[in-house]
Each structure stands twice: as structure tokens, then as C-alpha cells.
C-alpha atoms as a PDB file:
ATOM      1  CA  MET A   1      18.637  -3.468 -34.195  1.00  0.00           C
ATOM      2  CA  THR A   2      15.090  -2.666 -34.759  1.00  0.00           C
ATOM      3  CA  ASP A   3      14.410   0.873 -35.096  1.00  0.00           C
ATOM      4  CA  ILE A   4      11.564   1.570 -32.517  1.00  0.00           C
ATOM      5  CA  ALA A   5      10.658   5.223 -33.897  1.00  0.00           C
ATOM      6  CA  THR A   6       9.818   3.814 -37.245  1.00  0.00           C
ATOM      7  CA  LEU A   7       7.871   0.671 -35.943  1.00  0.00           C
ATOM      8  CA  PHE A   8       6.174   3.006 -33.644  1.00  0.00           C
ATOM      9  CA  ASP A   9       5.034   5.182 -36.629  1.00  0.00           C
ATOM     10  CA  SER A  10       3.679   2.242 -38.490  1.00  0.00           C
ATOM     11  CA  ILE A  11       1.694   0.717 -35.294  1.00  0.00           C
ATOM     12  CA  LYS A  12       0.029   4.142 -34.709  1.00  0.00           C
ATOM     13  CA  ASP A  13      -0.976   4.431 -38.497  1.00  0.00           C
ATOM     14  CA  SER A  14      -2.348   1.095 -38.289  1.00  0.00           C
ATOM     15  CA  MET A  15      -4.614   2.031 -34.971  1.00  0.00           C
ATOM     16  CA  GLU A  16      -5.622   5.392 -36.575  1.00  0.00           C
ATOM     17  CA  LYS A  17      -7.249   3.796 -39.322  1.00  0.00           C
ATOM     18  CA  THR A  18      -8.961   0.918 -37.242  1.00  0.00           C
ATOM     19  CA  SER A  19     -10.010   3.760 -34.703  1.00  0.00           C
ATOM     20  CA  GLY A  20     -14.155 -19.788 -32.029  1.00  0.00           C
ATOM     21  CA  GLN A  21     -12.461 -22.003 -31.271  1.00  0.00           C
ATOM     22  CA  ASN A  22      -9.417 -21.034 -29.725  1.00  0.00           C
ATOM     23  CA  ASN A  23      -6.882 -22.205 -27.181  1.00  0.00           C
ATOM     24  CA  ARG A  24      -7.705 -20.239 -24.007  1.00  0.00           C
ATOM     25  CA  GLY A  25      -4.546 -20.870 -22.522  1.00  0.00           C
ATOM     26  CA  GLN A  26      -2.864 -18.333 -25.139  1.00  0.00           C
ATOM     27  CA  PHE A  27      -4.870 -15.469 -23.486  1.00  0.00           C
ATOM     28  CA  LEU A  28      -3.909 -13.658 -19.949  1.00  0.00           C
ATOM     29  CA  ARG A  29      -6.835 -14.160 -17.862  1.00  0.00           C
ATOM     30  CA  THR A  30      -7.196 -11.080 -15.232  1.00  0.00           C
ATOM     31  CA  GLU A  31      -9.347 -11.246 -11.901  1.00  0.00           C
ATOM     32  CA  VAL A  32     -10.638  -8.303 -10.079  1.00  0.00           C
ATOM     33  CA  GLY A  33      -8.603  -7.062  -7.234  1.00  0.00           C
ATOM     34  CA  ASN A  34      -5.022  -7.632  -8.885  1.00  0.00           C
ATOM     35  CA  THR A  35      -2.666  -5.621 -10.949  1.00  0.00           C
ATOM     36  CA  TYR A  36      -0.895  -7.404 -14.027  1.00  0.00           C
ATOM     37  CA  THR A  37       2.327  -6.311 -15.419  1.00  0.00           C
ATOM     38  CA  VAL A  38       3.028  -6.723 -18.933  1.00  0.00           C
ATOM     39  CA  ARG A  39       5.086  -5.150 -22.063  1.00  0.00           C
ATOM     40  CA  LEU A  40       3.103  -4.749 -25.238  1.00  0.00           C
ATOM     41  CA  ILE A  41       4.991  -6.666 -28.027  1.00  0.00           C
ATOM     42  CA  PRO A  42       5.122  -5.072 -31.527  1.00  0.00           C
ATOM     43  CA  ASN A  43       5.042  -6.848 -34.962  1.00  0.00           C
ATOM     44  CA  VAL A  44       8.301  -6.299 -36.035  1.00  0.00           C
ATOM     45  CA  LYS A  45       7.925  -7.818 -39.534  1.00  0.00           C
ATOM     46  CA  ASP A  46       4.350  -6.151 -40.015  1.00  0.00           C
ATOM     47  CA  PRO A  47       4.089  -3.321 -37.357  1.00  0.00           C
ATOM     48  CA  GLY A  48       0.252  -2.444 -38.925  1.00  0.00           C
ATOM     49  CA  LYS A  49      -0.537  -6.094 -37.399  1.00  0.00           C
ATOM     50  CA  THR A  50       0.553  -5.105 -33.939  1.00  0.00           C
ATOM     51  CA  PHE A  51      -2.915  -4.832 -32.833  1.00  0.00           C
ATOM     52  CA  PHE A  52      -6.126  -7.075 -34.011  1.00  0.00           C
ATOM     53  CA  HIS A  53      -9.185  -5.010 -34.166  1.00  0.00           C
ATOM     54  CA  TYR A  54     -12.432  -6.964 -34.222  1.00  0.00           C
ATOM     55  CA  TYR A  55     -16.010  -7.658 -33.756  1.00  0.00           C
ATOM     56  CA  THR A  56     -17.812 -10.605 -31.798  1.00  0.00           C
ATOM     57  CA  HIS A  57     -21.395 -11.354 -31.313  1.00  0.00           C
ATOM     58  CA  GLY A  58     -22.548 -13.110 -28.355  1.00  0.00           C
ATOM     59  CA  TRP A  59     -25.714 -14.466 -26.640  1.00  0.00           C
ATOM     60  CA  THR A  60     -27.058 -17.294 -24.423  1.00  0.00           C
ATOM     61  CA  SER A  61     -28.413 -20.044 -26.744  1.00  0.00           C
ATOM     62  CA  PHE A  62     -32.276 -20.066 -26.649  1.00  0.00           C
ATOM     63  CA  ALA A  63     -31.872 -23.860 -27.780  1.00  0.00           C
ATOM     64  CA  THR A  64     -29.315 -25.280 -25.133  1.00  0.00           C
ATOM     65  CA  GLY A  65     -28.911 -22.316 -22.856  1.00  0.00           C
ATOM     66  CA  GLN A  66     -25.146 -22.426 -23.375  1.00  0.00           C
ATOM     67  CA  TYR A  67     -22.882 -19.460 -24.353  1.00  0.00           C
ATOM     68  CA  ILE A  68     -22.446 -18.557 -28.162  1.00  0.00           C
ATOM     69  CA  ASN A  69     -19.901 -16.405 -29.319  1.00  0.00           C
ATOM     70  CA  GLN A  70     -19.027 -15.688 -32.894  1.00  0.00           C
ATOM     71  CA  ILE A  71     -16.172 -13.539 -34.324  1.00  0.00           C
ATOM     72  CA  SER A  72     -18.205 -11.198 -36.935  1.00  0.00           C
ATOM     73  CA  PRO A  73     -17.184 -10.865 -40.731  1.00  0.00           C
ATOM     74  CA  ASN A  74     -17.747  -7.188 -40.140  1.00  0.00           C
ATOM     75  CA  THR A  75     -14.097  -7.434 -38.949  1.00  0.00           C
ATOM     76  CA  TRP A  76     -13.055  -7.655 -42.409  1.00  0.00           C
ATOM     77  CA  GLY A  77     -15.966  -5.770 -44.032  1.00  0.00           C
ATOM     78  CA  GLU A  78     -17.805  -8.798 -44.983  1.00  0.00           C
ATOM     79  CA  ARG A  79     -21.734  -9.578 -44.528  1.00  0.00           C
ATOM     80  CA  ASP A  80     -22.790 -11.142 -41.282  1.00  0.00           C
ATOM     81  CA  PRO A  81     -26.414 -12.939 -41.034  1.00  0.00           C
ATOM     82  CA  ILE A  82     -26.257 -12.460 -37.301  1.00  0.00           C
ATOM     83  CA  ALA A  83     -25.632  -8.388 -37.451  1.00  0.00           C
ATOM     84  CA  GLU A  84     -28.373  -8.653 -40.264  1.00  0.00           C
ATOM     85  CA  ALA A  85     -30.924 -10.417 -38.086  1.00  0.00           C
ATOM     86  CA  ARG A  86     -30.165  -8.396 -35.115  1.00  0.00           C
ATOM     87  CA  TYR A  87     -30.389  -5.159 -37.056  1.00  0.00           C
ATOM     88  CA  ARG A  88     -33.810  -6.181 -38.736  1.00  0.00           C
ATOM     89  CA  LEU A  89     -35.680  -7.514 -35.698  1.00  0.00           C
ATOM     90  CA  SER A  90     -34.644  -4.512 -33.788  1.00  0.00           C
ATOM     91  CA  LYS A  91     -35.939  -2.348 -36.445  1.00  0.00           C
ATOM     92  CA  THR A  92     -38.941  -3.851 -37.852  1.00  0.00           C
ATOM     93  CA  GLY A  93     -40.031  -6.793 -35.380  1.00  0.00           C
ATOM     94  CA  ASP A  94     -42.573  -6.678 -32.647  1.00  0.00           C
ATOM     95  CA  ASP A  95     -41.967  -5.864 -28.975  1.00  0.00           C
ATOM     96  CA  GLU A  96     -40.971  -9.744 -28.136  1.00  0.00           C
ATOM     97  CA  GLU A  97     -38.698 -10.058 -31.388  1.00  0.00           C
ATOM     98  CA  LYS A  98     -36.906  -6.437 -30.384  1.00  0.00           C
ATOM     99  CA  SER A  99     -36.460  -8.086 -26.683  1.00  0.00           C
ATOM    100  CA  LYS A 100     -35.076 -11.277 -28.152  1.00  0.00           C
ATOM    101  CA  ALA A 101     -32.783  -9.288 -30.609  1.00  0.00           C
ATOM    102  CA  SER A 102     -31.292  -7.477 -27.631  1.00  0.00           C
ATOM    103  CA  ALA A 103     -30.125 -10.681 -26.234  1.00  0.00           C
ATOM    104  CA  ILE A 104     -27.142 -10.692 -29.031  1.00  0.00           C
ATOM    105  CA  MET A 105     -24.338  -8.498 -27.593  1.00  0.00           C
ATOM    106  CA  ARG A 106     -21.936  -6.940 -30.198  1.00  0.00           C
ATOM    107  CA  ARG A 107     -18.650  -6.259 -28.762  1.00  0.00           C
ATOM    108  CA  GLU A 108     -15.552  -4.373 -30.381  1.00  0.00           C
ATOM    109  CA  ASN A 109     -12.457  -5.585 -29.096  1.00  0.00           C
ATOM    110  CA  TRP A 110      -8.823  -5.493 -29.993  1.00  0.00           C
ATOM    111  CA  MET A 111      -5.990  -7.980 -29.150  1.00  0.00           C
ATOM    112  CA  VAL A 112      -2.391  -7.757 -29.038  1.00  0.00           C
ATOM    113  CA  ASN A 113       0.590  -9.844 -27.732  1.00  0.00           C
ATOM    114  CA  VAL A 114       2.023  -9.181 -24.454  1.00  0.00           C
ATOM    115  CA  TYR A 115       5.301 -10.322 -22.441  1.00  0.00           C
ATOM    116  CA  VAL A 116       4.344 -10.960 -18.812  1.00  0.00           C
ATOM    117  CA  VAL A 117       6.432  -9.397 -16.251  1.00  0.00           C
ATOM    118  CA  ASN A 118       4.269  -9.945 -13.251  1.00  0.00           C
ATOM    119  CA  ASP A 119       0.860 -12.259 -12.982  1.00  0.00           C
ATOM    120  CA  PRO A 120       0.186 -12.274  -9.147  1.00  0.00           C
ATOM    121  CA  VAL A 121      -2.507 -14.863  -9.772  1.00  0.00           C
ATOM    122  CA  ASN A 122      -0.650 -16.997 -12.229  1.00  0.00           C
ATOM    123  CA  PRO A 123       3.091 -16.732 -11.434  1.00  0.00           C
ATOM    124  CA  ASP A 124       3.727 -19.345 -14.211  1.00  0.00           C
ATOM    125  CA  ASN A 125       2.762 -16.906 -16.754  1.00  0.00           C
ATOM    126  CA  ASN A 126       5.765 -14.903 -15.866  1.00  0.00           C
ATOM    127  CA  GLY A 127       8.046 -14.661 -18.646  1.00  0.00           C
ATOM    128  CA  THR A 128       6.043 -15.538 -21.115  1.00  0.00           C
ATOM    129  CA  ILE A 129       4.131 -14.412 -24.115  1.00  0.00           C
ATOM    130  CA  LYS A 130       0.153 -14.171 -23.879  1.00  0.00           C
ATOM    131  CA  LEU A 131      -2.764 -12.678 -25.588  1.00  0.00           C
ATOM    132  CA  LEU A 132      -4.140  -9.601 -24.300  1.00  0.00           C
ATOM    133  CA  ARG A 133      -7.903  -9.090 -25.092  1.00  0.00           C
ATOM    134  CA  PHE A 134      -9.305  -5.762 -24.174  1.00  0.00           C
ATOM    135  CA  GLY A 135     -12.200  -3.545 -24.689  1.00  0.00           C
ATOM    136  CA  ARG A 136     -12.705   0.365 -24.866  1.00  0.00           C
ATOM    137  CA  GLN A 137     -11.276   1.335 -21.663  1.00  0.00           C
ATOM    138  CA  LEU A 138      -7.856  -0.179 -22.113  1.00  0.00           C
ATOM    139  CA  HIS A 139      -7.817   0.970 -25.951  1.00  0.00           C
ATOM    140  CA  LYS A 140      -8.200   4.662 -24.585  1.00  0.00           C
ATOM    141  CA  ILE A 141      -5.248   4.406 -22.300  1.00  0.00           C
ATOM    142  CA  ILE A 142      -2.969   2.972 -25.057  1.00  0.00           C
ATOM    143  CA  MET A 143      -4.069   5.492 -27.288  1.00  0.00           C
ATOM    144  CA  ASP A 144      -3.493   8.107 -25.178  1.00  0.00           C
ATOM    145  CA  ALA A 145       0.208   6.990 -24.418  1.00  0.00           C
ATOM    146  CA  MET A 146       0.552   6.640 -28.333  1.00  0.00           C
ATOM    147  CA  GLN A 147      -0.664   9.783 -29.391  1.00  0.00           C
ATOM    148  CA  GLY A 148      -2.654  11.658 -26.861  1.00  0.00           C
ATOM    149  CA  GLU A 149      -1.748  13.879 -23.545  1.00  0.00           C
ATOM    150  CA  GLU A 150       0.689  11.098 -22.321  1.00  0.00           C
ATOM    151  CA  ALA A 151       2.267  10.600 -25.739  1.00  0.00           C
ATOM    152  CA  GLU A 152       5.517  12.832 -25.063  1.00  0.00           C
ATOM    153  CA  ASP A 153       6.429  10.671 -21.904  1.00  0.00           C
ATOM    154  CA  PHE A 154       5.272   7.548 -23.464  1.00  0.00           C
ATOM    155  CA  GLY A 155       4.931   7.044 -27.411  1.00  0.00           C
ATOM    156  CA  PRO A 156       7.256   4.706 -29.008  1.00  0.00           C
ATOM    157  CA  ARG A 157       8.544   3.557 -25.402  1.00  0.00           C
ATOM    158  CA  ILE A 158       5.664   1.394 -24.956  1.00  0.00           C
ATOM    159  CA  PHE A 159       6.693  -0.830 -27.574  1.00  0.00           C
ATOM    160  CA  ASP A 160      10.311  -1.199 -26.475  1.00  0.00           C
ATOM    161  CA  ILE A 161      10.513  -4.383 -24.578  1.00  0.00           C
ATOM    162  CA  ALA A 162      14.180  -3.935 -23.291  1.00  0.00           C
ATOM    163  CA  LYS A 163      14.048  -0.365 -22.263  1.00  0.00           C
ATOM    164  CA  GLY A 164      10.590   0.690 -22.578  1.00  0.00           C
ATOM    165  CA  CYS A 165       7.471   0.909 -20.187  1.00  0.00           C
ATOM    166  CA  ASP A 166       5.517  -1.534 -18.237  1.00  0.00           C
ATOM    167  CA  PHE A 167       1.786  -1.553 -18.610  1.00  0.00           C
ATOM    168  CA  ARG A 168      -0.028  -2.327 -15.237  1.00  0.00           C
ATOM    169  CA  ILE A 169      -3.337  -3.354 -15.616  1.00  0.00           C
ATOM    170  CA  LYS A 170      -5.205  -2.671 -12.713  1.00  0.00           C
ATOM    171  CA  VAL A 171      -8.347  -4.796 -12.238  1.00  0.00           C
ATOM    172  CA  GLU A 172     -11.115  -3.129  -9.819  1.00  0.00           C
ATOM    173  CA  LYS A 173     -14.774  -3.647  -9.275  1.00  0.00           C
ATOM    174  CA  GLN A 174     -17.141  -0.996 -10.214  1.00  0.00           C
ATOM    175  CA  GLY A 175     -20.712  -2.289  -9.283  1.00  0.00           C
ATOM    176  CA  ASP A 176     -20.891  -5.774 -10.297  1.00  0.00           C
ATOM    177  CA  TYR A 177     -18.454  -5.287 -12.931  1.00  0.00           C
ATOM    178  CA  PRO A 178     -14.625  -5.049 -13.424  1.00  0.00           C
ATOM    179  CA  THR A 179     -13.072  -2.008 -14.469  1.00  0.00           C
ATOM    180  CA  TYR A 180      -9.891  -1.233 -15.959  1.00  0.00           C
ATOM    181  CA  VAL A 181      -9.766   2.641 -15.951  1.00  0.00           C
ATOM    182  CA  SER A 182      -6.827   2.806 -13.294  1.00  0.00           C
ATOM    183  CA  SER A 183      -4.307   0.996 -15.498  1.00  0.00           C
ATOM    184  CA  LYS A 184      -1.631   2.944 -16.735  1.00  0.00           C
ATOM    185  CA  PHE A 185       1.851   2.833 -18.190  1.00  0.00           C
ATOM    186  CA  GLY A 186       4.952   3.474 -16.091  1.00  0.00           C
ATOM    187  CA  MET A 187       8.013   5.618 -16.868  1.00  0.00           C
ATOM    188  CA  PRO A 188      10.573   3.658 -18.959  1.00  0.00           C
ATOM    189  CA  LYS A 189      13.156   1.180 -17.275  1.00  0.00           C
ATOM    190  CA  ALA A 190      15.375  -1.659 -18.260  1.00  0.00           C
ATOM    191  CA  LEU A 191      13.780  -5.148 -18.190  1.00  0.00           C
ATOM    192  CA  SER A 192      15.800  -8.149 -17.006  1.00  0.00           C
ATOM    193  CA  THR A 193      14.622 -11.066 -18.895  1.00  0.00           C
ATOM    194  CA  ASP A 194      15.818 -14.693 -19.083  1.00  0.00           C
ATOM    195  CA  TYR A 195      13.844 -15.233 -21.959  1.00  0.00           C
ATOM    196  CA  GLU A 196      15.591 -18.058 -24.009  1.00  0.00           C
ATOM    197  CA  GLY A 197      16.884 -15.940 -27.186  1.00  0.00           C
ATOM    198  CA  GLY A 198      16.443 -12.570 -25.526  1.00  0.00           C
ATOM    199  CA  VAL A 199      13.870  -9.680 -26.985  1.00  0.00           C
ATOM    200  CA  ASN A 200      14.711 -10.758 -30.502  1.00  0.00           C
ATOM    201  CA  ALA A 201      13.097 -14.440 -29.548  1.00  0.00           C
ATOM    202  CA  ILE A 202      10.247 -12.576 -27.950  1.00  0.00           C
ATOM    203  CA  HIS A 203       9.482 -10.470 -31.069  1.00  0.00           C
ATOM    204  CA  LYS A 204       9.878 -13.954 -33.354  1.00  0.00           C
ATOM    205  CA  ASP A 205       7.706 -16.205 -31.051  1.00  0.00           C
ATOM    206  CA  ALA A 206       4.853 -13.640 -30.742  1.00  0.00           C
ATOM    207  CA  TYR A 207       1.437 -15.241 -31.970  1.00  0.00           C
ATOM    208  CA  ASP A 208      -0.040 -14.480 -35.379  1.00  0.00           C
ATOM    209  CA  LEU A 209      -3.148 -12.580 -34.277  1.00  0.00           C
ATOM    210  CA  GLU A 210      -4.986 -13.125 -37.412  1.00  0.00           C
ATOM    211  CA  SER A 211      -4.719 -16.981 -36.983  1.00  0.00           C
ATOM    212  CA  VAL A 212      -6.213 -17.106 -33.224  1.00  0.00           C
ATOM    213  CA  PHE A 213      -9.712 -17.301 -34.019  1.00  0.00           C
ATOM    214  CA  THR A 214     -11.340 -19.717 -36.523  1.00  0.00           C
ATOM    215  CA  VAL A 215     -13.873 -17.735 -38.782  1.00  0.00           C
ATOM    216  CA  LYS A 216     -17.208 -19.234 -40.003  1.00  0.00           C
ATOM    217  CA  SER A 217     -18.432 -18.339 -43.719  1.00  0.00           C
ATOM    218  CA  TYR A 218     -21.902 -16.608 -43.789  1.00  0.00           C
ATOM    219  CA  ASP A 219     -23.819 -19.815 -44.345  1.00  0.00           C
ATOM    220  CA  GLU A 220     -22.053 -21.358 -41.549  1.00  0.00           C
ATOM    221  CA  LEU A 221     -22.913 -18.328 -39.262  1.00  0.00           C
ATOM    222  CA  LYS A 222     -26.433 -18.796 -40.574  1.00  0.00           C
ATOM    223  CA  GLU A 223     -26.720 -22.212 -39.251  1.00  0.00           C
ATOM    224  CA  VAL A 224     -25.437 -21.051 -35.902  1.00  0.00           C
ATOM    225  CA  LEU A 225     -28.050 -18.479 -36.017  1.00  0.00           C
ATOM    226  CA  ASN A 226     -30.907 -20.822 -36.874  1.00  0.00           C
ATOM    227  CA  GLU A 227     -30.040 -23.198 -34.207  1.00  0.00           C
ATOM    228  CA  HIS A 228     -29.517 -21.044 -31.406  1.00  0.00           C
ATOM    229  CA  PHE A 229     -31.410 -18.108 -31.705  1.00  0.00           C
ATOM    230  CA  PHE A 230     -34.538 -19.119 -34.029  1.00  0.00           C
ATOM    231  CA  CYS A 231     -34.351 -22.586 -32.765  1.00  0.00           C
ATOM    232  CA  VAL A 232     -34.955 -24.128 -36.180  1.00  0.00           C
ATOM    233  CA  SER A 233     -32.828 -26.766 -37.388  1.00  0.00           C
ATOM    234  CA  ASN A 234     -31.140 -26.301 -40.776  1.00  0.00           C
ATOM    235  CA  SER A 235     -33.039 -29.544 -42.096  1.00  0.00           C
ATOM    236  CA  GLU A 236     -36.293 -27.906 -41.302  1.00  0.00           C
ATOM    237  CA  GLU A 237     -35.441 -24.870 -42.766  1.00  0.00           C
ATOM    238  CA  ASN A 238     -34.155 -26.612 -46.324  1.00  0.00           C
ATOM    239  CA  ALA A 239     -37.590 -28.421 -46.184  1.00  0.00           C
ATOM    240  CA  SER A 240     -39.593 -25.472 -45.659  1.00  0.00           C
ATOM    241  CA  THR A 241     -41.346 -23.993 -48.749  1.00  0.00           C
ATOM    242  CA  THR A 242     -42.788 -21.258 -46.855  1.00  0.00           C
ATOM    243  CA  THR A 243     -41.157 -17.861 -45.012  1.00  0.00           C
ATOM    244  CA  SER A 244     -39.660 -18.967 -42.072  1.00  0.00           C
ATOM    245  CA  PRO A 245     -38.157 -16.993 -39.178  1.00  0.00           C
ATOM    246  CA  VAL A 246     -34.535 -17.319 -40.495  1.00  0.00           C
ATOM    247  CA  ALA A 247     -31.953 -14.865 -39.527  1.00  0.00           C
ATOM    248  CA  ALA A 248     -30.475 -13.655 -42.506  1.00  0.00           C
ATOM    249  CA  ALA A 249     -30.355 -12.119 -46.001  1.00  0.00           C
ATOM    250  CA  PRO A 250     -30.179 -14.204 -48.816  1.00  0.00           C
ATOM    251  CA  VAL A 251     -27.011 -16.552 -49.048  1.00  0.00           C
ATOM    252  CA  VAL A 252     -24.059 -14.774 -50.635  1.00  0.00           C
ATOM    253  CA  THR A 253     -21.260 -16.890 -52.571  1.00  0.00           C
ATOM    254  CA  GLU A 254     -18.111 -15.233 -50.808  1.00  0.00           C
ATOM    255  CA  THR A 255     -17.215 -16.803 -47.725  1.00  0.00           C
ATOM    256  CA  VAL A 256     -14.509 -15.924 -44.924  1.00  0.00           C
ATOM    257  CA  ALA A 257     -11.017 -17.304 -45.065  1.00  0.00           C
ATOM    258  CA  THR A 258     -11.051 -20.321 -42.907  1.00  0.00           C
ATOM    259  CA  THR A 259      -7.429 -19.616 -41.962  1.00  0.00           C
ATOM    260  CA  ARG A 260      -8.919 -17.101 -39.914  1.00  0.00           C
ATOM    261  CA  THR A 261     -10.179 -18.037 -36.540  1.00  0.00           C
ATOM    262  CA  SER A 262     -13.923 -17.828 -34.024  1.00  0.00           C
ATOM    263  CA  SER A 263     -15.068 -18.385 -30.434  1.00  0.00           C
ATOM    264  CA  SER A 264     -17.745 -20.547 -32.259  1.00  0.00           C
ATOM    265  CA  SER A 265     -18.350 -23.534 -30.132  1.00  0.00           C
ATOM    266  CA  PRO A 266     -20.599 -23.192 -27.036  1.00  0.00           C
ATOM    267  CA  VAL A 267     -18.199 -22.827 -23.781  1.00  0.00           C
ATOM    268  CA  SER A 268     -18.641 -23.910 -20.445  1.00  0.00           C
ATOM    269  CA  SER A 269     -20.365 -21.850 -17.718  1.00  0.00           C
ATOM    270  CA  ASP A 270     -17.168 -20.767 -16.105  1.00  0.00           C
ATOM    271  CA  GLU A 271     -15.914 -19.411 -19.453  1.00  0.00           C
ATOM    272  CA  ASP A 272     -19.410 -18.004 -20.085  1.00  0.00           C
ATOM    273  CA  ILE A 273     -19.089 -15.785 -17.114  1.00  0.00           C
ATOM    274  CA  ASP A 274     -15.685 -14.847 -17.951  1.00  0.00           C
ATOM    275  CA  ASP A 275     -16.951 -13.653 -21.442  1.00  0.00           C
ATOM    276  CA  LEU A 276     -19.425 -11.640 -20.062  1.00  0.00           C
ATOM    277  CA  LEU A 277     -17.048  -9.835 -17.315  1.00  0.00           C
ATOM    278  CA  ALA A 278     -14.512  -9.276 -20.133  1.00  0.00           C
ATOM    279  CA  SER A 279     -16.987  -7.468 -22.400  1.00  0.00           C
ATOM    280  CA  LEU A 280     -17.664  -4.947 -19.698  1.00  0.00           C
ATOM    281  CA  ASP A 281     -14.344  -3.521 -20.618  1.00  0.00           C
ATOM    282  CA  ASN A 282     -16.038  -2.325 -23.972  1.00  0.00           C
ATOM    283  CA  ILE A 283     -18.520  -0.001 -21.615  1.00  0.00           C
ATOM    284  CA  SER A 284     -17.273   3.558 -21.955  1.00  0.00           C
END
């Protein structure tokens, strides 16, 4: 039997410290005008990894017009040539370079496993495990339930799948963009599930959050930056003996473990729109 109180303390400690290529079918996709009901799934083996806190950089390629989205090594405290180029151009570039640098959108996101209680758009998701990717709006609501004004009512209960609280994610429209500020946790109630193996199996079958994205090394990210931001082929860069408008600082020997994972490939136009809309959750 899982000690939900001890589990909660470990998860809360982790959240306080942190305060590519992927299978899109893993993610819970939300649409404006709908309310999605889920339950948060804790990592019972390593509670501190219940949430994955990460950063990405995204922009529309100046070479191909497709959307580029990369998970940043800053997530692990490592150097990121995209972040370095964006900062350098924003601070020391001319007006044209500063304008171009602003096209790179840096996003702060979190990710958590959820058990889908009700997906009004895709009912086939009901009773399955999905990944919920979210930004600052939902992060604030979760943190308030964990340790804020609502902690007395919710607290550890938001991670108790069997007898805990539903998380109702309400997606509304604010201007041209979605907003999640009306989302909230419900009061505790028993959950009836026919998931094979029950709650223990849900815990066991949850995704390893640190293996969802494929992470590129410093050099690989620099290649992406050269091609899709500076529009300079890497063969041209290597052949050049003069200073070129290449993104980054000198190459370092450390690389990011390839067992991690990124939205590294250009995505289709529909996915581009989804990513852009999802990023608005980061706006407080």
C-alpha cells in the first residue's frame, strides 16, 4: 500500500526545487470549449520525478518555413547554443538582428502522467494514461493545491488515484488564444476504473518522463541553428575561414545524454499551430 502522505512530501519538495522527436499520441490534446477530467499519477518509485520541468526553444525556420522546436539543455543546467545566440543578438545585435532573435520563443513547461477520466473530444482516451504538458497557468493551480491556499482541502489527495481528486482542465478562449485559468481540482471521491491491474498497474504503466524527448548535443543544436536560423549550411561554415554569423559560442566537449528526448524535427502546419497555442499557457 502506497503511503500517499510520504509520497506527497517528496513530490512537493521536488516541485519547490524546480519552482524532438516524440510520439504525439502519448499527449493529451486539449481543445477550446471543452473540459477534460484527469487524475494526476505520482511516480511511486521516485516521487521527485512525478513532474518533468523543462525548457524549449521554438521558431519558424527562416530556411524552410517549417516550425522548429528543440528542448533546451538548460533544462539540465547545461549550455545551449540557441539560448546563447538569442541572448547575444538581443543584447548586441542591430535592429534587424534583434528583431530576428525575437522570433525564437523560449518556453517553460512541465509534464506529468495523467489517468484520463473523461476526454469529451476523444472518448477512446478514457481509462488510459496520457502525458499532460502544461505551462504557468496550470502549474499555478497545481501548486496552489499542493502548498497554497487550497492545500488544506487538497494537498496529498491530488495524487491519490483511487480516492483522490479529479483535475478538471477547462479550456476557454481569451482573445485569439486558449486560457486555462478556470481549471480546478474537485473534492475527493472514489474512482471506479476497469484499468487492467487496477491502480497499481496505472502507477507501473506510467511513462518515464525523462525519456519522452530526444535531446541533441551542443554541436547538433548548433547545426539546427545554422540551418534554420542563420540559413548557413554546416559545410559552408566548416569551409569558411572568416568570421561567420554562426549562432553559438565555441564548441564544448560535453554532450547531453542521448537517452533523453526533443521535438527536434520540423512538424506539420497543424502541429505547428498546436504548439503555438499550447505555448500560450506559459503566459501568466
